[in-house]
Structure formats: structure tokens, C-alpha cells
Amino acid sequence: PSAGGVLHVDKRTATSATPADKAGDSVERFEV
């Protein structure tokens, strides 16, 4: 919206490895 609107970006505490992370790095998740 042109007048802004209310957005929520919330960090989720769970960290896990994804298939793309070959080295097993942790990933941070954010819910929008």
C-alpha cells in the first residue's frame, strides 16, 4: 500500500540445517 500498512517481521527461535546448507550451517527463520 502507498500509505504504509502494518508489517510484522518476527524472528523464530528454531534453527535447523536445510539441504542447501551442505556444511550444516544453522539458519535463522523470520515470519513475515
PDB file of all heavy atoms in Angstrom:
ATOM      1  N   PRO A   1       0.822  -1.212   0.000  1.00  0.00           N
ATOM      2  CA  PRO A   1       0.000   0.000   0.000  1.00  0.00           C
ATOM      3  C   PRO A   1       0.853   1.258   0.000  1.00  0.00           C
ATOM      4  O   PRO A   1       1.955   1.269   0.545  1.00  0.00           O
ATOM      5  CB  PRO A   1      -0.810  -0.122   1.290  1.00  0.00           C
ATOM      6  CG  PRO A   1       0.009  -0.988   2.166  1.00  0.00           C
ATOM      7  CD  PRO A   1       0.735  -1.934   1.252  1.00  0.00           C
ATOM      8  N   SER A   2       0.300   2.297  -0.619  1.00  0.00           N
ATOM      9  CA  SER A   2       1.050   3.553  -0.711  1.00  0.00           C
ATOM     10  C   SER A   2       1.155   4.251   0.639  1.00  0.00           C
ATOM     11  O   SER A   2       2.067   5.028   0.858  1.00  0.00           O
ATOM     12  CB  SER A   2       0.378   4.480  -1.717  1.00  0.00           C
ATOM     13  OG  SER A   2      -0.953   4.741  -1.310  1.00  0.00           O
ATOM     14  N   ALA A   3       0.227   3.976   1.537  1.00  0.00           N
ATOM     15  CA  ALA A   3       0.235   4.656   2.830  1.00  0.00           C
ATOM     16  C   ALA A   3       0.913   3.840   3.917  1.00  0.00           C
ATOM     17  O   ALA A   3       0.724   4.093   5.085  1.00  0.00           O
ATOM     18  CB  ALA A   3      -1.197   4.986   3.241  1.00  0.00           C
ATOM     19  N   GLY A   4       1.698   2.857   3.533  1.00  0.00           N
ATOM     20  CA  GLY A   4       2.447   2.090   4.531  1.00  0.00           C
ATOM     21  C   GLY A   4       1.829   0.758   4.830  1.00  0.00           C
ATOM     22  O   GLY A   4       2.147  -0.227   4.204  1.00  0.00           O
ATOM     23  N   GLY A   5       0.935   0.686   5.763  1.00  0.00           N
ATOM     24  CA  GLY A   5       0.385  -0.597   6.176  1.00  0.00           C
ATOM     25  C   GLY A   5       1.235  -1.173   7.292  1.00  0.00           C
ATOM     26  O   GLY A   5       2.376  -0.805   7.474  1.00  0.00           O
ATOM     27  N   VAL A   6       0.657  -2.102   8.022  1.00  0.00           N
ATOM     28  CA  VAL A   6       1.337  -2.670   9.174  1.00  0.00           C
ATOM     29  C   VAL A   6       1.982  -3.991   8.787  1.00  0.00           C
ATOM     30  O   VAL A   6       1.309  -4.927   8.377  1.00  0.00           O
ATOM     31  CB  VAL A   6       0.350  -2.876  10.343  1.00  0.00           C
ATOM     32  CG1 VAL A   6       1.044  -3.507  11.528  1.00  0.00           C
ATOM     33  CG2 VAL A   6      -0.281  -1.555  10.738  1.00  0.00           C
ATOM     34  N   LEU A   7       3.301  -4.048   8.884  1.00  0.00           N
ATOM     35  CA  LEU A   7       4.074  -5.259   8.608  1.00  0.00           C
ATOM     36  C   LEU A   7       4.590  -5.846   9.912  1.00  0.00           C
ATOM     37  O   LEU A   7       4.968  -5.109  10.824  1.00  0.00           O
ATOM     38  CB  LEU A   7       5.293  -4.923   7.747  1.00  0.00           C
ATOM     39  CG  LEU A   7       5.105  -4.854   6.264  1.00  0.00           C
ATOM     40  CD1 LEU A   7       6.369  -4.328   5.609  1.00  0.00           C
ATOM     41  CD2 LEU A   7       4.745  -6.194   5.688  1.00  0.00           C
ATOM     42  N   HIS A   8       4.625  -7.177   9.980  1.00  0.00           N
ATOM     43  CA  HIS A   8       5.196  -7.860  11.133  1.00  0.00           C
ATOM     44  C   HIS A   8       6.347  -8.732  10.647  1.00  0.00           C
ATOM     45  O   HIS A   8       6.169  -9.539   9.747  1.00  0.00           O
ATOM     46  CB  HIS A   8       4.153  -8.736  11.828  1.00  0.00           C
ATOM     47  CG  HIS A   8       2.944  -7.980  12.281  1.00  0.00           C
ATOM     48  ND1 HIS A   8       2.952  -7.164  13.386  1.00  0.00           N
ATOM     49  CD2 HIS A   8       1.692  -7.912  11.777  1.00  0.00           C
ATOM     50  CE1 HIS A   8       1.753  -6.624  13.537  1.00  0.00           C
ATOM     51  NE2 HIS A   8       0.976  -7.062  12.570  1.00  0.00           N
ATOM     52  N   VAL A   9       7.514  -8.550  11.233  1.00  0.00           N
ATOM     53  CA  VAL A   9       8.667  -9.411  10.969  1.00  0.00           C
ATOM     54  C   VAL A   9       9.087  -9.958  12.331  1.00  0.00           C
ATOM     55  O   VAL A   9       9.567  -9.212  13.178  1.00  0.00           O
ATOM     56  CB  VAL A   9       9.830  -8.636  10.314  1.00  0.00           C
ATOM     57  CG1 VAL A   9      11.024  -9.545  10.098  1.00  0.00           C
ATOM     58  CG2 VAL A   9       9.390  -8.014   8.998  1.00  0.00           C
ATOM     59  N   ASP A  10       8.852 -11.257  12.533  1.00  0.00           N
ATOM     60  CA  ASP A  10       9.122 -11.873  13.822  1.00  0.00           C
ATOM     61  C   ASP A  10      10.162 -12.964  13.678  1.00  0.00           C
ATOM     62  O   ASP A  10      10.012 -13.870  12.855  1.00  0.00           O
ATOM     63  CB  ASP A  10       7.830 -12.480  14.403  1.00  0.00           C
ATOM     64  CG  ASP A  10       6.747 -11.430  14.592  1.00  0.00           C
ATOM     65  OD1 ASP A  10       7.068 -10.358  15.139  1.00  0.00           O
ATOM     66  OD2 ASP A  10       5.600 -11.679  14.189  1.00  0.00           O
ATOM     67  N   LYS A  11      11.196 -12.891  14.505  1.00  0.00           N
ATOM     68  CA  LYS A  11      12.239 -13.909  14.494  1.00  0.00           C
ATOM     69  C   LYS A  11      11.712 -15.153  15.191  1.00  0.00           C
ATOM     70  O   LYS A  11      11.122 -15.074  16.265  1.00  0.00           O
ATOM     71  CB  LYS A  11      13.487 -13.389  15.201  1.00  0.00           C
ATOM     72  CG  LYS A  11      14.651 -14.348  15.150  1.00  0.00           C
ATOM     73  CD  LYS A  11      15.881 -13.723  15.767  1.00  0.00           C
ATOM     74  CE  LYS A  11      17.063 -14.662  15.637  1.00  0.00           C
ATOM     75  NZ  LYS A  11      18.276 -14.044  16.185  1.00  0.00           N
ATOM     76  N   ARG A  12      11.914 -16.293  14.566  1.00  0.00           N
ATOM     77  CA  ARG A  12      11.540 -17.576  15.151  1.00  0.00           C
ATOM     78  C   ARG A  12      12.793 -18.208  15.734  1.00  0.00           C
ATOM     79  O   ARG A  12      13.864 -18.157  15.126  1.00  0.00           O
ATOM     80  CB  ARG A  12      10.891 -18.493  14.121  1.00  0.00           C
ATOM     81  CG  ARG A  12       9.618 -17.925  13.532  1.00  0.00           C
ATOM     82  CD  ARG A  12       8.612 -17.706  14.635  1.00  0.00           C
ATOM     83  NE  ARG A  12       7.353 -17.221  14.077  1.00  0.00           N
ATOM     84  CZ  ARG A  12       6.518 -16.464  14.748  1.00  0.00           C
ATOM     85  NH1 ARG A  12       6.794 -16.099  15.968  1.00  0.00           N
ATOM     86  NH2 ARG A  12       5.394 -16.067  14.206  1.00  0.00           N
ATOM     87  N   THR A  13      12.678 -18.825  16.871  1.00  0.00           N
ATOM     88  CA  THR A  13      13.862 -19.307  17.591  1.00  0.00           C
ATOM     89  C   THR A  13      14.435 -20.598  17.040  1.00  0.00           C
ATOM     90  O   THR A  13      15.593 -20.895  17.267  1.00  0.00           O
ATOM     91  CB  THR A  13      13.530 -19.506  19.076  1.00  0.00           C
ATOM     92  OG1 THR A  13      12.425 -20.419  19.176  1.00  0.00           O
ATOM     93  CG2 THR A  13      13.190 -18.189  19.727  1.00  0.00           C
ATOM     94  N   ALA A  14      13.652 -21.380  16.317  1.00  0.00           N
ATOM     95  CA  ALA A  14      14.157 -22.673  15.839  1.00  0.00           C
ATOM     96  C   ALA A  14      15.219 -22.467  14.763  1.00  0.00           C
ATOM     97  O   ALA A  14      15.027 -21.705  13.826  1.00  0.00           O
ATOM     98  CB  ALA A  14      13.017 -23.505  15.278  1.00  0.00           C
ATOM     99  N   THR A  15      16.341 -23.133  14.910  1.00  0.00           N
ATOM    100  CA  THR A  15      17.377 -23.141  13.878  1.00  0.00           C
ATOM    101  C   THR A  15      17.570 -24.569  13.435  1.00  0.00           C
ATOM    102  O   THR A  15      17.534 -25.492  14.234  1.00  0.00           O
ATOM    103  CB  THR A  15      18.708 -22.559  14.387  1.00  0.00           C
ATOM    104  OG1 THR A  15      19.123 -23.320  15.507  1.00  0.00           O
ATOM    105  CG2 THR A  15      18.581 -21.102  14.748  1.00  0.00           C
ATOM    106  N   SER A  16      17.728 -24.762  12.154  1.00  0.00           N
ATOM    107  CA  SER A  16      17.922 -26.113  11.623  1.00  0.00           C
ATOM    108  C   SER A  16      18.726 -26.033  10.351  1.00  0.00           C
ATOM    109  O   SER A  16      18.851 -24.983   9.742  1.00  0.00           O
ATOM    110  CB  SER A  16      16.563 -26.765  11.349  1.00  0.00           C
ATOM    111  OG  SER A  16      15.894 -26.046  10.340  1.00  0.00           O
ATOM    112  N   ALA A  17      19.253 -27.160   9.944  1.00  0.00           N
ATOM    113  CA  ALA A  17      20.005 -27.224   8.699  1.00  0.00           C
ATOM    114  C   ALA A  17      19.048 -27.530   7.560  1.00  0.00           C
ATOM    115  O   ALA A  17      18.111 -28.298   7.712  1.00  0.00           O
ATOM    116  CB  ALA A  17      21.065 -28.301   8.788  1.00  0.00           C
ATOM    117  N   THR A  18      19.261 -26.891   6.427  1.00  0.00           N
ATOM    118  CA  THR A  18      18.465 -27.162   5.238  1.00  0.00           C
ATOM    119  C   THR A  18      19.322 -27.919   4.245  1.00  0.00           C
ATOM    120  O   THR A  18      20.546 -27.923   4.364  1.00  0.00           O
ATOM    121  CB  THR A  18      17.968 -25.833   4.610  1.00  0.00           C
ATOM    122  OG1 THR A  18      19.112 -25.088   4.204  1.00  0.00           O
ATOM    123  CG2 THR A  18      17.132 -25.025   5.584  1.00  0.00           C
ATOM    124  N   PRO A  19      18.719 -28.556   3.243  1.00  0.00           N
ATOM    125  CA  PRO A  19      19.528 -29.269   2.252  1.00  0.00           C
ATOM    126  C   PRO A  19      20.538 -28.372   1.547  1.00  0.00           C
ATOM    127  O   PRO A  19      21.589 -28.830   1.138  1.00  0.00           O
ATOM    128  CB  PRO A  19      18.487 -29.802   1.273  1.00  0.00           C
ATOM    129  CG  PRO A  19      17.215 -29.841   2.041  1.00  0.00           C
ATOM    130  CD  PRO A  19      17.301 -28.747   3.049  1.00  0.00           C
ATOM    131  N   ALA A  20      20.226 -27.090   1.425  1.00  0.00           N
ATOM    132  CA  ALA A  20      21.137 -26.169   0.751  1.00  0.00           C
ATOM    133  C   ALA A  20      22.389 -25.913   1.585  1.00  0.00           C
ATOM    134  O   ALA A  20      23.420 -25.523   1.067  1.00  0.00           O
ATOM    135  CB  ALA A  20      20.435 -24.857   0.452  1.00  0.00           C
ATOM    136  N   ASP A  21      22.286 -26.140   2.885  1.00  0.00           N
ATOM    137  CA  ASP A  21      23.430 -25.907   3.762  1.00  0.00           C
ATOM    138  C   ASP A  21      24.250 -27.193   3.852  1.00  0.00           C
ATOM    139  O   ASP A  21      24.109 -27.988   4.762  1.00  0.00           O
ATOM    140  CB  ASP A  21      22.969 -25.491   5.166  1.00  0.00           C
ATOM    141  CG  ASP A  21      22.213 -24.186   5.151  1.00  0.00           C
ATOM    142  OD1 ASP A  21      22.567 -23.324   4.336  1.00  0.00           O
ATOM    143  OD2 ASP A  21      21.281 -24.049   5.947  1.00  0.00           O
ATOM    144  N   LYS A  22      25.113 -27.385   2.915  1.00  0.00           N
ATOM    145  CA  LYS A  22      25.902 -28.618   2.849  1.00  0.00           C
ATOM    146  C   LYS A  22      26.807 -28.759   4.070  1.00  0.00           C
ATOM    147  O   LYS A  22      27.078 -29.841   4.540  1.00  0.00           O
ATOM    148  CB  LYS A  22      26.734 -28.635   1.577  1.00  0.00           C
ATOM    149  CG  LYS A  22      25.895 -28.479   0.324  1.00  0.00           C
ATOM    150  CD  LYS A  22      26.158 -29.590  -0.623  1.00  0.00           C
ATOM    151  CE  LYS A  22      25.494 -29.436  -1.953  1.00  0.00           C
ATOM    152  NZ  LYS A  22      24.152 -29.195  -2.053  1.00  0.00           N
ATOM    153  N   ALA A  23      27.273 -27.629   4.609  1.00  0.00           N
ATOM    154  CA  ALA A  23      28.162 -27.686   5.767  1.00  0.00           C
ATOM    155  C   ALA A  23      27.377 -27.810   7.068  1.00  0.00           C
ATOM    156  O   ALA A  23      27.970 -27.905   8.132  1.00  0.00           O
ATOM    157  CB  ALA A  23      29.035 -26.435   5.800  1.00  0.00           C
ATOM    158  N   GLY A  24      26.059 -27.797   7.002  1.00  0.00           N
ATOM    159  CA  GLY A  24      25.241 -27.915   8.206  1.00  0.00           C
ATOM    160  C   GLY A  24      25.146 -26.622   8.991  1.00  0.00           C
ATOM    161  O   GLY A  24      24.895 -26.649  10.183  1.00  0.00           O
ATOM    162  N   ASP A  25      25.358 -25.483   8.310  1.00  0.00           N
ATOM    163  CA  ASP A  25      25.242 -24.202   8.995  1.00  0.00           C
ATOM    164  C   ASP A  25      23.815 -24.015   9.472  1.00  0.00           C
ATOM    165  O   ASP A  25      22.875 -24.498   8.871  1.00  0.00           O
ATOM    166  CB  ASP A  25      25.611 -23.048   8.051  1.00  0.00           C
ATOM    167  CG  ASP A  25      27.072 -23.070   7.654  1.00  0.00           C
ATOM    168  OD1 ASP A  25      27.869 -23.624   8.428  1.00  0.00           O
ATOM    169  OD2 ASP A  25      27.391 -22.559   6.567  1.00  0.00           O
ATOM    170  N   SER A  26      23.658 -23.289  10.549  1.00  0.00           N
ATOM    171  CA  SER A  26      22.311 -23.036  11.034  1.00  0.00           C
ATOM    172  C   SER A  26      21.672 -21.902  10.236  1.00  0.00           C
ATOM    173  O   SER A  26      22.345 -21.099   9.611  1.00  0.00           O
ATOM    174  CB  SER A  26      22.338 -22.710  12.522  1.00  0.00           C
ATOM    175  OG  SER A  26      23.089 -21.547  12.746  1.00  0.00           O
ATOM    176  N   VAL A  27      20.361 -21.913  10.266  1.00  0.00           N
ATOM    177  CA  VAL A  27      19.574 -20.948   9.517  1.00  0.00           C
ATOM    178  C   VAL A  27      18.672 -20.224  10.499  1.00  0.00           C
ATOM    179  O   VAL A  27      18.101 -20.839  11.391  1.00  0.00           O
ATOM    180  CB  VAL A  27      18.714 -21.666   8.449  1.00  0.00           C
ATOM    181  CG1 VAL A  27      17.783 -20.704   7.759  1.00  0.00           C
ATOM    182  CG2 VAL A  27      19.587 -22.373   7.444  1.00  0.00           C
ATOM    183  N   GLU A  28      18.550 -18.931  10.353  1.00  0.00           N
ATOM    184  CA  GLU A  28      17.616 -18.180  11.174  1.00  0.00           C
ATOM    185  C   GLU A  28      16.344 -17.969  10.375  1.00  0.00           C
ATOM    186  O   GLU A  28      16.390 -17.689   9.185  1.00  0.00           O
ATOM    187  CB  GLU A  28      18.233 -16.848  11.600  1.00  0.00           C
ATOM    188  CG  GLU A  28      19.378 -17.041  12.555  1.00  0.00           C
ATOM    189  CD  GLU A  28      19.826 -15.759  13.215  1.00  0.00           C
ATOM    190  OE1 GLU A  28      19.184 -14.711  13.010  1.00  0.00           O
ATOM    191  OE2 GLU A  28      20.830 -15.818  13.930  1.00  0.00           O
ATOM    192  N   ARG A  29      15.208 -18.114  11.043  1.00  0.00           N
ATOM    193  CA  ARG A  29      13.918 -18.006  10.372  1.00  0.00           C
ATOM    194  C   ARG A  29      13.173 -16.771  10.874  1.00  0.00           C
ATOM    195  O   ARG A  29      13.178 -16.478  12.061  1.00  0.00           O
ATOM    196  CB  ARG A  29      13.097 -19.255  10.616  1.00  0.00           C
ATOM    197  CG  ARG A  29      13.738 -20.499  10.069  1.00  0.00           C
ATOM    198  CD  ARG A  29      12.781 -21.675  10.178  1.00  0.00           C
ATOM    199  NE  ARG A  29      13.422 -22.932   9.857  1.00  0.00           N
ATOM    200  CZ  ARG A  29      13.745 -23.339   8.642  1.00  0.00           C
ATOM    201  NH1 ARG A  29      13.496 -22.572   7.626  1.00  0.00           N
ATOM    202  NH2 ARG A  29      14.312 -24.503   8.454  1.00  0.00           N
ATOM    203  N   PHE A  30      12.536 -16.092   9.906  1.00  0.00           N
ATOM    204  CA  PHE A  30      11.757 -14.907  10.213  1.00  0.00           C
ATOM    205  C   PHE A  30      10.393 -15.049   9.551  1.00  0.00           C
ATOM    206  O   PHE A  30      10.315 -15.331   8.356  1.00  0.00           O
ATOM    207  CB  PHE A  30      12.462 -13.642   9.701  1.00  0.00           C
ATOM    208  CG  PHE A  30      13.793 -13.409  10.346  1.00  0.00           C
ATOM    209  CD1 PHE A  30      14.945 -13.987   9.838  1.00  0.00           C
ATOM    210  CD2 PHE A  30      13.891 -12.626  11.480  1.00  0.00           C
ATOM    211  CE1 PHE A  30      16.168 -13.787  10.434  1.00  0.00           C
ATOM    212  CE2 PHE A  30      15.118 -12.423  12.091  1.00  0.00           C
ATOM    213  CZ  PHE A  30      16.259 -13.003  11.562  1.00  0.00           C
ATOM    214  N   GLU A  31       9.347 -14.839  10.329  1.00  0.00           N
ATOM    215  CA  GLU A  31       7.994 -14.913   9.783  1.00  0.00           C
ATOM    216  C   GLU A  31       7.527 -13.511   9.431  1.00  0.00           C
ATOM    217  O   GLU A  31       7.585 -12.601  10.258  1.00  0.00           O
ATOM    218  CB  GLU A  31       7.047 -15.556  10.796  1.00  0.00           C
ATOM    219  CG  GLU A  31       5.664 -15.805  10.216  1.00  0.00           C
ATOM    220  CD  GLU A  31       4.817 -16.632  11.157  1.00  0.00           C
ATOM    221  OE1 GLU A  31       5.132 -17.822  11.356  1.00  0.00           O
ATOM    222  OE2 GLU A  31       3.849 -16.062  11.686  1.00  0.00           O
ATOM    223  N   VAL A  32       7.077 -13.356   8.188  1.00  0.00           N
ATOM    224  CA  VAL A  32       6.613 -12.066   7.696  1.00  0.00           C
ATOM    225  C   VAL A  32       5.111 -12.155   7.488  1.00  0.00           C
ATOM    226  O   VAL A  32       4.616 -13.072   6.814  1.00  0.00           O
ATOM    227  CB  VAL A  32       7.306 -11.691   6.365  1.00  0.00           C
ATOM    228  CG1 VAL A  32       6.739 -10.392   5.820  1.00  0.00           C
ATOM    229  CG2 VAL A  32       8.805 -11.581   6.555  1.00  0.00           C
TER     230      VAL A  32
END
